[in-house]
Amino acid sequence: SYDAQQRKVIAGVGSYIAKLASHREAATGALFYGPPGTGKDHLATC
């Protein structure tokens, strides 16, 4: 049901993780929103 949207989000999370040290230094976080069961906590835990 969410294949295309999820792939786009996961690619974005991967890019965020690749620059994690810079994000921590700049205090830039990530916000996940969507219906229950779409993997928000899963992605944040990654």
ModelCIF file with pLDDT and N, C-alpha, C, O atoms, coordinates in Angstrom:
data_MODEL
#
_entry.id   MODEL 
#
_entity.id                         1 
_entity.type                       polymer 
_entity.pdbx_number_of_molecules   1 
#
_entity_poly.entity_id                      1 
_entity_poly.type                           'polypeptide(L)' 
_entity_poly.nstd_linkage                   no 
_entity_poly.nstd_monomer                   no 
_entity_poly.pdbx_seq_one_letter_code       SYDAQQRKVIAGVGSYIAKLASHREAATGALFYGPPGTGKDHLATC 
_entity_poly.pdbx_seq_one_letter_code_can   SYDAQQRKVIAGVGSYIAKLASHREAATGALFYGPPGTGKDHLATC 
_entity_poly.pdbx_strand_id                 A 
#
loop_
_entity_poly_seq.entity_id 
_entity_poly_seq.num 
_entity_poly_seq.mon_id 
_entity_poly_seq.hetero 
1 1  SER n 
1 2  TYR n 
1 3  ASP n 
1 4  ALA n 
1 5  GLN n 
1 6  GLN n 
1 7  ARG n 
1 8  LYS n 
1 9  VAL n 
1 10 ILE n 
1 11 ALA n 
1 12 GLY n 
1 13 VAL n 
1 14 GLY n 
1 15 SER n 
1 16 TYR n 
1 17 ILE n 
1 18 ALA n 
1 19 LYS n 
1 20 LEU n 
1 21 ALA n 
1 22 SER n 
1 23 HIS n 
1 24 ARG n 
1 25 GLU n 
1 26 ALA n 
1 27 ALA n 
1 28 THR n 
1 29 GLY n 
1 30 ALA n 
1 31 LEU n 
1 32 PHE n 
1 33 TYR n 
1 34 GLY n 
1 35 PRO n 
1 36 PRO n 
1 37 GLY n 
1 38 THR n 
1 39 GLY n 
1 40 LYS n 
1 41 ASP n 
1 42 HIS n 
1 43 LEU n 
1 44 ALA n 
1 45 THR n 
1 46 CYS n 
#
_struct_asym.id          A 
_struct_asym.entity_id   1 
#
loop_
_ma_qa_metric.id 
_ma_qa_metric.mode 
_ma_qa_metric.name 
_ma_qa_metric.software_group_id 
_ma_qa_metric.type 
1 global pLDDT . pLDDT 
2 local  pLDDT . pLDDT 
#
_ma_qa_metric_global.metric_id      1 
_ma_qa_metric_global.metric_value   87.02 
_ma_qa_metric_global.model_id       1 
_ma_qa_metric_global.ordinal_id     1 
#
loop_
_ma_qa_metric_local.label_asym_id 
_ma_qa_metric_local.label_comp_id 
_ma_qa_metric_local.label_seq_id 
_ma_qa_metric_local.metric_id 
_ma_qa_metric_local.metric_value 
_ma_qa_metric_local.model_id 
_ma_qa_metric_local.ordinal_id 
A SER 1  2 61.00 1 1  
A TYR 2  2 62.00 1 2  
A ASP 3  2 71.00 1 3  
A ALA 4  2 77.00 1 4  
A GLN 5  2 78.00 1 5  
A GLN 6  2 79.00 1 6  
A ARG 7  2 83.00 1 7  
A LYS 8  2 86.00 1 8  
A VAL 9  2 88.00 1 9  
A ILE 10 2 88.00 1 10 
A ALA 11 2 90.00 1 11 
A GLY 12 2 92.00 1 12 
A VAL 13 2 93.00 1 13 
A GLY 14 2 93.00 1 14 
A SER 15 2 94.00 1 15 
A TYR 16 2 95.00 1 16 
A ILE 17 2 95.00 1 17 
A ALA 18 2 95.00 1 18 
A LYS 19 2 95.00 1 19 
A LEU 20 2 93.00 1 20 
A ALA 21 2 91.00 1 21 
A SER 22 2 93.00 1 22 
A HIS 23 2 92.00 1 23 
A ARG 24 2 90.00 1 24 
A GLU 25 2 90.00 1 25 
A ALA 26 2 90.00 1 26 
A ALA 27 2 86.00 1 27 
A THR 28 2 89.00 1 28 
A GLY 29 2 89.00 1 29 
A ALA 30 2 91.00 1 30 
A LEU 31 2 89.00 1 31 
A PHE 32 2 89.00 1 32 
A TYR 33 2 83.00 1 33 
A GLY 34 2 80.00 1 34 
A PRO 35 2 80.00 1 35 
A PRO 36 2 81.00 1 36 
A GLY 37 2 80.00 1 37 
A THR 38 2 80.00 1 38 
A GLY 39 2 85.00 1 39 
A LYS 40 2 89.00 1 40 
A ASP 41 2 91.00 1 41 
A HIS 42 2 91.00 1 42 
A LEU 43 2 92.00 1 43 
A ALA 44 2 94.00 1 44 
A THR 45 2 95.00 1 45 
A CYS 46 2 95.00 1 46 
#
loop_
_atom_site.group_PDB 
_atom_site.id 
_atom_site.type_symbol 
_atom_site.label_atom_id 
_atom_site.label_alt_id 
_atom_site.label_comp_id 
_atom_site.label_asym_id 
_atom_site.label_entity_id 
_atom_site.label_seq_id 
_atom_site.pdbx_PDB_ins_code 
_atom_site.Cartn_x 
_atom_site.Cartn_y 
_atom_site.Cartn_z 
_atom_site.occupancy 
_atom_site.B_iso_or_equiv 
_atom_site.pdbx_formal_charge 
_atom_site.auth_seq_id 
_atom_site.auth_comp_id 
_atom_site.auth_asym_id 
_atom_site.auth_atom_id 
_atom_site.pdbx_PDB_model_num 
ATOM 1   N N  . SER A 1 1  ? 0.812  -1.213 0.000  1.00 61.00 ? 1  SER A N  1 
ATOM 2   C CA . SER A 1 1  ? 0.000  0.000  0.000  1.00 61.00 ? 1  SER A CA 1 
ATOM 3   C C  . SER A 1 1  ? 0.850  1.269  0.000  1.00 61.00 ? 1  SER A C  1 
ATOM 4   O O  . SER A 1 1  ? 0.417  2.307  -0.502 1.00 61.00 ? 1  SER A O  1 
ATOM 5   N N  . TYR A 1 2  ? 2.064  1.189  0.565  1.00 62.00 ? 2  TYR A N  1 
ATOM 6   C CA . TYR A 1 2  ? 2.887  2.390  0.704  1.00 62.00 ? 2  TYR A CA 1 
ATOM 7   C C  . TYR A 1 2  ? 4.260  2.219  0.055  1.00 62.00 ? 2  TYR A C  1 
ATOM 8   O O  . TYR A 1 2  ? 5.207  2.904  0.440  1.00 62.00 ? 2  TYR A O  1 
ATOM 9   N N  . ASP A 1 3  ? 4.383  1.338  -0.904 1.00 71.00 ? 3  ASP A N  1 
ATOM 10  C CA . ASP A 1 3  ? 5.696  0.978  -1.452 1.00 71.00 ? 3  ASP A CA 1 
ATOM 11  C C  . ASP A 1 3  ? 6.494  2.190  -1.916 1.00 71.00 ? 3  ASP A C  1 
ATOM 12  O O  . ASP A 1 3  ? 7.623  2.393  -1.470 1.00 71.00 ? 3  ASP A O  1 
ATOM 13  N N  . ALA A 1 4  ? 5.919  3.002  -2.811 1.00 77.00 ? 4  ALA A N  1 
ATOM 14  C CA . ALA A 1 4  ? 6.654  4.130  -3.374 1.00 77.00 ? 4  ALA A CA 1 
ATOM 15  C C  . ALA A 1 4  ? 7.034  5.152  -2.312 1.00 77.00 ? 4  ALA A C  1 
ATOM 16  O O  . ALA A 1 4  ? 8.162  5.642  -2.273 1.00 77.00 ? 4  ALA A O  1 
ATOM 17  N N  . GLN A 1 5  ? 6.055  5.466  -1.441 1.00 78.00 ? 5  GLN A N  1 
ATOM 18  C CA . GLN A 1 5  ? 6.338  6.448  -0.390 1.00 78.00 ? 5  GLN A CA 1 
ATOM 19  C C  . GLN A 1 5  ? 7.400  5.946  0.574  1.00 78.00 ? 5  GLN A C  1 
ATOM 20  O O  . GLN A 1 5  ? 8.281  6.704  0.980  1.00 78.00 ? 5  GLN A O  1 
ATOM 21  N N  . GLN A 1 6  ? 7.319  4.659  0.945  1.00 79.00 ? 6  GLN A N  1 
ATOM 22  C CA . GLN A 1 6  ? 8.284  4.105  1.889  1.00 79.00 ? 6  GLN A CA 1 
ATOM 23  C C  . GLN A 1 6  ? 9.692  4.085  1.315  1.00 79.00 ? 6  GLN A C  1 
ATOM 24  O O  . GLN A 1 6  ? 10.655 4.374  2.025  1.00 79.00 ? 6  GLN A O  1 
ATOM 25  N N  . ARG A 1 7  ? 9.818  3.752  0.060  1.00 83.00 ? 7  ARG A N  1 
ATOM 26  C CA . ARG A 1 7  ? 11.154 3.722  -0.555 1.00 83.00 ? 7  ARG A CA 1 
ATOM 27  C C  . ARG A 1 7  ? 11.780 5.119  -0.561 1.00 83.00 ? 7  ARG A C  1 
ATOM 28  O O  . ARG A 1 7  ? 12.984 5.268  -0.351 1.00 83.00 ? 7  ARG A O  1 
ATOM 29  N N  . LYS A 1 8  ? 10.964 6.125  -0.800 1.00 86.00 ? 8  LYS A N  1 
ATOM 30  C CA . LYS A 1 8  ? 11.475 7.502  -0.790 1.00 86.00 ? 8  LYS A CA 1 
ATOM 31  C C  . LYS A 1 8  ? 11.919 7.902  0.608  1.00 86.00 ? 8  LYS A C  1 
ATOM 32  O O  . LYS A 1 8  ? 12.966 8.525  0.785  1.00 86.00 ? 8  LYS A O  1 
ATOM 33  N N  . VAL A 1 9  ? 11.112 7.536  1.603  1.00 88.00 ? 9  VAL A N  1 
ATOM 34  C CA . VAL A 1 9  ? 11.454 7.875  2.994  1.00 88.00 ? 9  VAL A CA 1 
ATOM 35  C C  . VAL A 1 9  ? 12.714 7.148  3.433  1.00 88.00 ? 9  VAL A C  1 
ATOM 36  O O  . VAL A 1 9  ? 13.583 7.743  4.070  1.00 88.00 ? 9  VAL A O  1 
ATOM 37  N N  . ILE A 1 10 ? 12.822 5.875  3.102  1.00 88.00 ? 10 ILE A N  1 
ATOM 38  C CA . ILE A 1 10 ? 13.985 5.089  3.510  1.00 88.00 ? 10 ILE A CA 1 
ATOM 39  C C  . ILE A 1 10 ? 15.260 5.626  2.865  1.00 88.00 ? 10 ILE A C  1 
ATOM 40  O O  . ILE A 1 10 ? 16.317 5.649  3.495  1.00 88.00 ? 10 ILE A O  1 
ATOM 41  N N  . ALA A 1 11 ? 15.160 6.055  1.622  1.00 90.00 ? 11 ALA A N  1 
ATOM 42  C CA . ALA A 1 11 ? 16.321 6.666  0.971  1.00 90.00 ? 11 ALA A CA 1 
ATOM 43  C C  . ALA A 1 11 ? 16.728 7.942  1.708  1.00 90.00 ? 11 ALA A C  1 
ATOM 44  O O  . ALA A 1 11 ? 17.916 8.218  1.879  1.00 90.00 ? 11 ALA A O  1 
ATOM 45  N N  . GLY A 1 12 ? 15.731 8.717  2.142  1.00 92.00 ? 12 GLY A N  1 
ATOM 46  C CA . GLY A 1 12 ? 16.024 9.933  2.896  1.00 92.00 ? 12 GLY A CA 1 
ATOM 47  C C  . GLY A 1 12 ? 16.655 9.642  4.244  1.00 92.00 ? 12 GLY A C  1 
ATOM 48  O O  . GLY A 1 12 ? 17.571 10.346 4.671  1.00 92.00 ? 12 GLY A O  1 
ATOM 49  N N  . VAL A 1 13 ? 16.168 8.607  4.915  1.00 93.00 ? 13 VAL A N  1 
ATOM 50  C CA . VAL A 1 13 ? 16.746 8.231  6.205  1.00 93.00 ? 13 VAL A CA 1 
ATOM 51  C C  . VAL A 1 13 ? 18.188 7.755  6.019  1.00 93.00 ? 13 VAL A C  1 
ATOM 52  O O  . VAL A 1 13 ? 19.058 8.064  6.834  1.00 93.00 ? 13 VAL A O  1 
ATOM 53  N N  . GLY A 1 14 ? 18.434 7.008  4.951  1.00 93.00 ? 14 GLY A N  1 
ATOM 54  C CA . GLY A 1 14 ? 19.796 6.563  4.672  1.00 93.00 ? 14 GLY A CA 1 
ATOM 55  C C  . GLY A 1 14 ? 20.743 7.735  4.467  1.00 93.00 ? 14 GLY A C  1 
ATOM 56  O O  . GLY A 1 14 ? 21.878 7.713  4.944  1.00 93.00 ? 14 GLY A O  1 
ATOM 57  N N  . SER A 1 15 ? 20.275 8.763  3.754  1.00 94.00 ? 15 SER A N  1 
ATOM 58  C CA . SER A 1 15 ? 21.096 9.962  3.549  1.00 94.00 ? 15 SER A CA 1 
ATOM 59  C C  . SER A 1 15 ? 21.335 10.697 4.859  1.00 94.00 ? 15 SER A C  1 
ATOM 60  O O  . SER A 1 15 ? 22.417 11.234 5.094  1.00 94.00 ? 15 SER A O  1 
ATOM 61  N N  . TYR A 1 16 ? 20.312 10.716 5.709  1.00 95.00 ? 16 TYR A N  1 
ATOM 62  C CA . TYR A 1 16 ? 20.442 11.370 7.007  1.00 95.00 ? 16 TYR A CA 1 
ATOM 63  C C  . TYR A 1 16 ? 21.484 10.657 7.861  1.00 95.00 ? 16 TYR A C  1 
ATOM 64  O O  . TYR A 1 16 ? 22.324 11.303 8.488  1.00 95.00 ? 16 TYR A O  1 
ATOM 65  N N  . ILE A 1 17 ? 21.430 9.324  7.885  1.00 95.00 ? 17 ILE A N  1 
ATOM 66  C CA . ILE A 1 17 ? 22.381 8.531  8.680  1.00 95.00 ? 17 ILE A CA 1 
ATOM 67  C C  . ILE A 1 17 ? 23.803 8.723  8.166  1.00 95.00 ? 17 ILE A C  1 
ATOM 68  O O  . ILE A 1 17 ? 24.751 8.743  8.951  1.00 95.00 ? 17 ILE A O  1 
ATOM 69  N N  . ALA A 1 18 ? 23.955 8.865  6.859  1.00 95.00 ? 18 ALA A N  1 
ATOM 70  C CA . ALA A 1 18 ? 25.292 9.033  6.285  1.00 95.00 ? 18 ALA A CA 1 
ATOM 71  C C  . ALA A 1 18 ? 25.965 10.320 6.770  1.00 95.00 ? 18 ALA A C  1 
ATOM 72  O O  . ALA A 1 18 ? 27.192 10.419 6.764  1.00 95.00 ? 18 ALA A O  1 
ATOM 73  N N  . LYS A 1 19 ? 25.174 11.295 7.186  1.00 95.00 ? 19 LYS A N  1 
ATOM 74  C CA . LYS A 1 19 ? 25.719 12.571 7.659  1.00 95.00 ? 19 LYS A CA 1 
ATOM 75  C C  . LYS A 1 19 ? 25.345 12.798 9.124  1.00 95.00 ? 19 LYS A C  1 
ATOM 76  O O  . LYS A 1 19 ? 25.100 13.928 9.547  1.00 95.00 ? 19 LYS A O  1 
ATOM 77  N N  . LEU A 1 20 ? 25.307 11.730 9.870  1.00 93.00 ? 20 LEU A N  1 
ATOM 78  C CA . LEU A 1 20 ? 24.812 11.780 11.238 1.00 93.00 ? 20 LEU A CA 1 
ATOM 79  C C  . LEU A 1 20 ? 25.624 12.718 12.124 1.00 93.00 ? 20 LEU A C  1 
ATOM 80  O O  . LEU A 1 20 ? 25.058 13.478 12.909 1.00 93.00 ? 20 LEU A O  1 
ATOM 81  N N  . ALA A 1 21 ? 26.945 12.665 12.002 1.00 91.00 ? 21 ALA A N  1 
ATOM 82  C CA . ALA A 1 21 ? 27.792 13.515 12.843 1.00 91.00 ? 21 ALA A CA 1 
ATOM 83  C C  . ALA A 1 21 ? 27.510 14.993 12.581 1.00 91.00 ? 21 ALA A C  1 
ATOM 84  O O  . ALA A 1 21 ? 27.487 15.798 13.512 1.00 91.00 ? 21 ALA A O  1 
ATOM 85  N N  . SER A 1 22 ? 27.297 15.347 11.317 1.00 93.00 ? 22 SER A N  1 
ATOM 86  C CA . SER A 1 22 ? 27.002 16.743 10.972 1.00 93.00 ? 22 SER A CA 1 
ATOM 87  C C  . SER A 1 22 ? 25.646 17.155 11.519 1.00 93.00 ? 22 SER A C  1 
ATOM 88  O O  . SER A 1 22 ? 25.486 18.274 12.006 1.00 93.00 ? 22 SER A O  1 
ATOM 89  N N  . HIS A 1 23 ? 24.667 16.256 11.441 1.00 92.00 ? 23 HIS A N  1 
ATOM 90  C CA . HIS A 1 23 ? 23.335 16.572 11.970 1.00 92.00 ? 23 HIS A CA 1 
ATOM 91  C C  . HIS A 1 23 ? 23.377 16.767 13.478 1.00 92.00 ? 23 HIS A C  1 
ATOM 92  O O  . HIS A 1 23 ? 22.693 17.640 14.013 1.00 92.00 ? 23 HIS A O  1 
ATOM 93  N N  . ARG A 1 24 ? 24.173 15.964 14.162 1.00 90.00 ? 24 ARG A N  1 
ATOM 94  C CA . ARG A 1 24 ? 24.292 16.124 15.618 1.00 90.00 ? 24 ARG A CA 1 
ATOM 95  C C  . ARG A 1 24 ? 24.941 17.463 15.947 1.00 90.00 ? 24 ARG A C  1 
ATOM 96  O O  . ARG A 1 24 ? 24.499 18.165 16.857 1.00 90.00 ? 24 ARG A O  1 
ATOM 97  N N  . GLU A 1 25 ? 25.980 17.813 15.213 1.00 90.00 ? 25 GLU A N  1 
ATOM 98  C CA . GLU A 1 25 ? 26.677 19.073 15.452 1.00 90.00 ? 25 GLU A CA 1 
ATOM 99  C C  . GLU A 1 25 ? 25.754 20.271 15.230 1.00 90.00 ? 25 GLU A C  1 
ATOM 100 O O  . GLU A 1 25 ? 25.801 21.251 15.973 1.00 90.00 ? 25 GLU A O  1 
ATOM 101 N N  . ALA A 1 26 ? 24.914 20.178 14.196 1.00 90.00 ? 26 ALA A N  1 
ATOM 102 C CA . ALA A 1 26 ? 24.000 21.278 13.878 1.00 90.00 ? 26 ALA A CA 1 
ATOM 103 C C  . ALA A 1 26 ? 22.673 21.181 14.616 1.00 90.00 ? 26 ALA A C  1 
ATOM 104 O O  . ALA A 1 26 ? 21.838 22.079 14.508 1.00 90.00 ? 26 ALA A O  1 
ATOM 105 N N  . ALA A 1 27 ? 22.469 20.093 15.371 1.00 86.00 ? 27 ALA A N  1 
ATOM 106 C CA . ALA A 1 27 ? 21.220 19.860 16.116 1.00 86.00 ? 27 ALA A CA 1 
ATOM 107 C C  . ALA A 1 27 ? 20.016 19.853 15.192 1.00 86.00 ? 27 ALA A C  1 
ATOM 108 O O  . ALA A 1 27 ? 18.979 20.440 15.501 1.00 86.00 ? 27 ALA A O  1 
ATOM 109 N N  . THR A 1 28 ? 20.161 19.180 14.050 1.00 89.00 ? 28 THR A N  1 
ATOM 110 C CA . THR A 1 28 ? 19.037 19.034 13.121 1.00 89.00 ? 28 THR A CA 1 
ATOM 111 C C  . THR A 1 28 ? 18.472 17.625 13.273 1.00 89.00 ? 28 THR A C  1 
ATOM 112 O O  . THR A 1 28 ? 19.174 16.640 13.044 1.00 89.00 ? 28 THR A O  1 
ATOM 113 N N  . GLY A 1 29 ? 17.213 17.536 13.658 1.00 89.00 ? 29 GLY A N  1 
ATOM 114 C CA . GLY A 1 29 ? 16.588 16.250 13.903 1.00 89.00 ? 29 GLY A CA 1 
ATOM 115 C C  . GLY A 1 29 ? 15.797 15.753 12.714 1.00 89.00 ? 29 GLY A C  1 
ATOM 116 O O  . GLY A 1 29 ? 15.899 16.305 11.619 1.00 89.00 ? 29 GLY A O  1 
ATOM 117 N N  . ALA A 1 30 ? 15.006 14.707 12.926 1.00 91.00 ? 30 ALA A N  1 
ATOM 118 C CA . ALA A 1 30 ? 14.159 14.117 11.885 1.00 91.00 ? 30 ALA A CA 1 
ATOM 119 C C  . ALA A 1 30 ? 12.761 13.949 12.454 1.00 91.00 ? 30 ALA A C  1 
ATOM 120 O O  . ALA A 1 30 ? 12.594 13.528 13.598 1.00 91.00 ? 30 ALA A O  1 
ATOM 121 N N  . LEU A 1 31 ? 11.763 14.279 11.656 1.00 89.00 ? 31 LEU A N  1 
ATOM 122 C CA . LEU A 1 31 ? 10.375 14.172 12.063 1.00 89.00 ? 31 LEU A CA 1 
ATOM 123 C C  . LEU A 1 31 ? 9.660  13.167 11.163 1.00 89.00 ? 31 LEU A C  1 
ATOM 124 O O  . LEU A 1 31 ? 9.658  13.316 9.941  1.00 89.00 ? 31 LEU A O  1 
ATOM 125 N N  . PHE A 1 32 ? 9.058  12.153 11.762 1.00 89.00 ? 32 PHE A N  1 
ATOM 126 C CA . PHE A 1 32 ? 8.294  11.149 11.020 1.00 89.00 ? 32 PHE A CA 1 
ATOM 127 C C  . PHE A 1 32 ? 6.813  11.277 11.393 1.00 89.00 ? 32 PHE A C  1 
ATOM 128 O O  . PHE A 1 32 ? 6.463  11.338 12.571 1.00 89.00 ? 32 PHE A O  1 
ATOM 129 N N  . TYR A 1 33 ? 5.967  11.316 10.389 1.00 83.00 ? 33 TYR A N  1 
ATOM 130 C CA . TYR A 1 33 ? 4.529  11.378 10.657 1.00 83.00 ? 33 TYR A CA 1 
ATOM 131 C C  . TYR A 1 33 ? 3.802  10.504 9.650  1.00 83.00 ? 33 TYR A C  1 
ATOM 132 O O  . TYR A 1 33 ? 4.259  10.320 8.522  1.00 83.00 ? 33 TYR A O  1 
ATOM 133 N N  . GLY A 1 34 ? 2.666  9.969  10.071 1.00 80.00 ? 34 GLY A N  1 
ATOM 134 C CA . GLY A 1 34 ? 1.882  9.101  9.214  1.00 80.00 ? 34 GLY A CA 1 
ATOM 135 C C  . GLY A 1 34 ? 0.947  8.247  10.037 1.00 80.00 ? 34 GLY A C  1 
ATOM 136 O O  . GLY A 1 34 ? 0.957  8.324  11.265 1.00 80.00 ? 34 GLY A O  1 
ATOM 137 N N  . PRO A 1 35 ? 0.130  7.425  9.375  1.00 80.00 ? 35 PRO A N  1 
ATOM 138 C CA . PRO A 1 35 ? -0.829 6.566  10.078 1.00 80.00 ? 35 PRO A CA 1 
ATOM 139 C C  . PRO A 1 35 ? -0.121 5.564  10.978 1.00 80.00 ? 35 PRO A C  1 
ATOM 140 O O  . PRO A 1 35 ? 1.062  5.291  10.773 1.00 80.00 ? 35 PRO A O  1 
ATOM 141 N N  . PRO A 1 36 ? -0.809 5.011  11.965 1.00 81.00 ? 36 PRO A N  1 
ATOM 142 C CA . PRO A 1 36 ? -0.217 3.978  12.827 1.00 81.00 ? 36 PRO A CA 1 
ATOM 143 C C  . PRO A 1 36 ? 0.235  2.777  12.006 1.00 81.00 ? 36 PRO A C  1 
ATOM 144 O O  . PRO A 1 36 ? -0.417 2.386  11.038 1.00 81.00 ? 36 PRO A O  1 
ATOM 145 N N  . GLY A 1 37 ? 1.363  2.199  12.411 1.00 80.00 ? 37 GLY A N  1 
ATOM 146 C CA . GLY A 1 37 ? 1.839  0.984  11.767 1.00 80.00 ? 37 GLY A CA 1 
ATOM 147 C C  . GLY A 1 37 ? 2.632  1.187  10.498 1.00 80.00 ? 37 GLY A C  1 
ATOM 148 O O  . GLY A 1 37 ? 2.910  0.218  9.790  1.00 80.00 ? 37 GLY A O  1 
ATOM 149 N N  . THR A 1 38 ? 3.006  2.419  10.184 1.00 80.00 ? 38 THR A N  1 
ATOM 150 C CA . THR A 1 38 ? 3.773  2.671  8.961  1.00 80.00 ? 38 THR A CA 1 
ATOM 151 C C  . THR A 1 38 ? 5.279  2.681  9.197  1.00 80.00 ? 38 THR A C  1 
ATOM 152 O O  . THR A 1 38 ? 6.045  2.905  8.259  1.00 80.00 ? 38 THR A O  1 
ATOM 153 N N  . GLY A 1 39 ? 5.720  2.442  10.433 1.00 85.00 ? 39 GLY A N  1 
ATOM 154 C CA . GLY A 1 39 ? 7.156  2.275  10.697 1.00 85.00 ? 39 GLY A CA 1 
ATOM 155 C C  . GLY A 1 39 ? 7.887  3.502  11.192 1.00 85.00 ? 39 GLY A C  1 
ATOM 156 O O  . GLY A 1 39 ? 9.101  3.615  11.018 1.00 85.00 ? 39 GLY A O  1 
ATOM 157 N N  . LYS A 1 40 ? 7.168  4.420  11.805 1.00 89.00 ? 40 LYS A N  1 
ATOM 158 C CA . LYS A 1 40 ? 7.824  5.661  12.260 1.00 89.00 ? 40 LYS A CA 1 
ATOM 159 C C  . LYS A 1 40 ? 8.882  5.375  13.333 1.00 89.00 ? 40 LYS A C  1 
ATOM 160 O O  . LYS A 1 40 ? 10.023 5.823  13.219 1.00 89.00 ? 40 LYS A O  1 
ATOM 161 N N  . ASP A 1 41 ? 8.499  4.635  14.364 1.00 91.00 ? 41 ASP A N  1 
ATOM 162 C CA . ASP A 1 41 ? 9.467  4.306  15.425 1.00 91.00 ? 41 ASP A CA 1 
ATOM 163 C C  . ASP A 1 41 ? 10.582 3.407  14.896 1.00 91.00 ? 41 ASP A C  1 
ATOM 164 O O  . ASP A 1 41 ? 11.726 3.507  15.341 1.00 91.00 ? 41 ASP A O  1 
ATOM 165 N N  . HIS A 1 42 ? 10.254 2.538  13.957 1.00 91.00 ? 42 HIS A N  1 
ATOM 166 C CA . HIS A 1 42 ? 11.252 1.653  13.362 1.00 91.00 ? 42 HIS A CA 1 
ATOM 167 C C  . HIS A 1 42 ? 12.343 2.485  12.684 1.00 91.00 ? 42 HIS A C  1 
ATOM 168 O O  . HIS A 1 42 ? 13.532 2.254  12.903 1.00 91.00 ? 42 HIS A O  1 
ATOM 169 N N  . LEU A 1 43 ? 11.935 3.449  11.867 1.00 92.00 ? 43 LEU A N  1 
ATOM 170 C CA . LEU A 1 43 ? 12.897 4.278  11.147 1.00 92.00 ? 43 LEU A CA 1 
ATOM 171 C C  . LEU A 1 43 ? 13.711 5.142  12.114 1.00 92.00 ? 43 LEU A C  1 
ATOM 172 O O  . LEU A 1 43 ? 14.922 5.301  11.955 1.00 92.00 ? 43 LEU A O  1 
ATOM 173 N N  . ALA A 1 44 ? 13.020 5.702  13.125 1.00 94.00 ? 44 ALA A N  1 
ATOM 174 C CA . ALA A 1 44 ? 13.741 6.521  14.100 1.00 94.00 ? 44 ALA A CA 1 
ATOM 175 C C  . ALA A 1 44 ? 14.775 5.688  14.852 1.00 94.00 ? 44 ALA A C  1 
ATOM 176 O O  . ALA A 1 44 ? 15.865 6.171  15.159 1.00 94.00 ? 44 ALA A O  1 
ATOM 177 N N  . THR A 1 45 ? 14.427 4.435  15.147 1.00 95.00 ? 45 THR A N  1 
ATOM 178 C CA . THR A 1 45 ? 15.366 3.565  15.857 1.00 95.00 ? 45 THR A CA 1 
ATOM 179 C C  . THR A 1 45 ? 16.555 3.204  14.972 1.00 95.00 ? 45 THR A C  1 
ATOM 180 O O  . THR A 1 45 ? 17.658 3.005  15.480 1.00 95.00 ? 45 THR A O  1 
ATOM 181 N N  . CYS A 1 46 ? 16.353 3.118  13.669 1.00 95.00 ? 46 CYS A N  1 
ATOM 182 C CA . CYS A 1 46 ? 17.478 2.893  12.754 1.00 95.00 ? 46 CYS A CA 1 
ATOM 183 C C  . CYS A 1 46 ? 18.502 4.014  12.896 1.00 95.00 ? 46 CYS A C  1 
ATOM 184 O O  . CYS A 1 46 ? 19.523 4.007  12.210 1.00 95.00 ? 46 CYS A O  1 
#
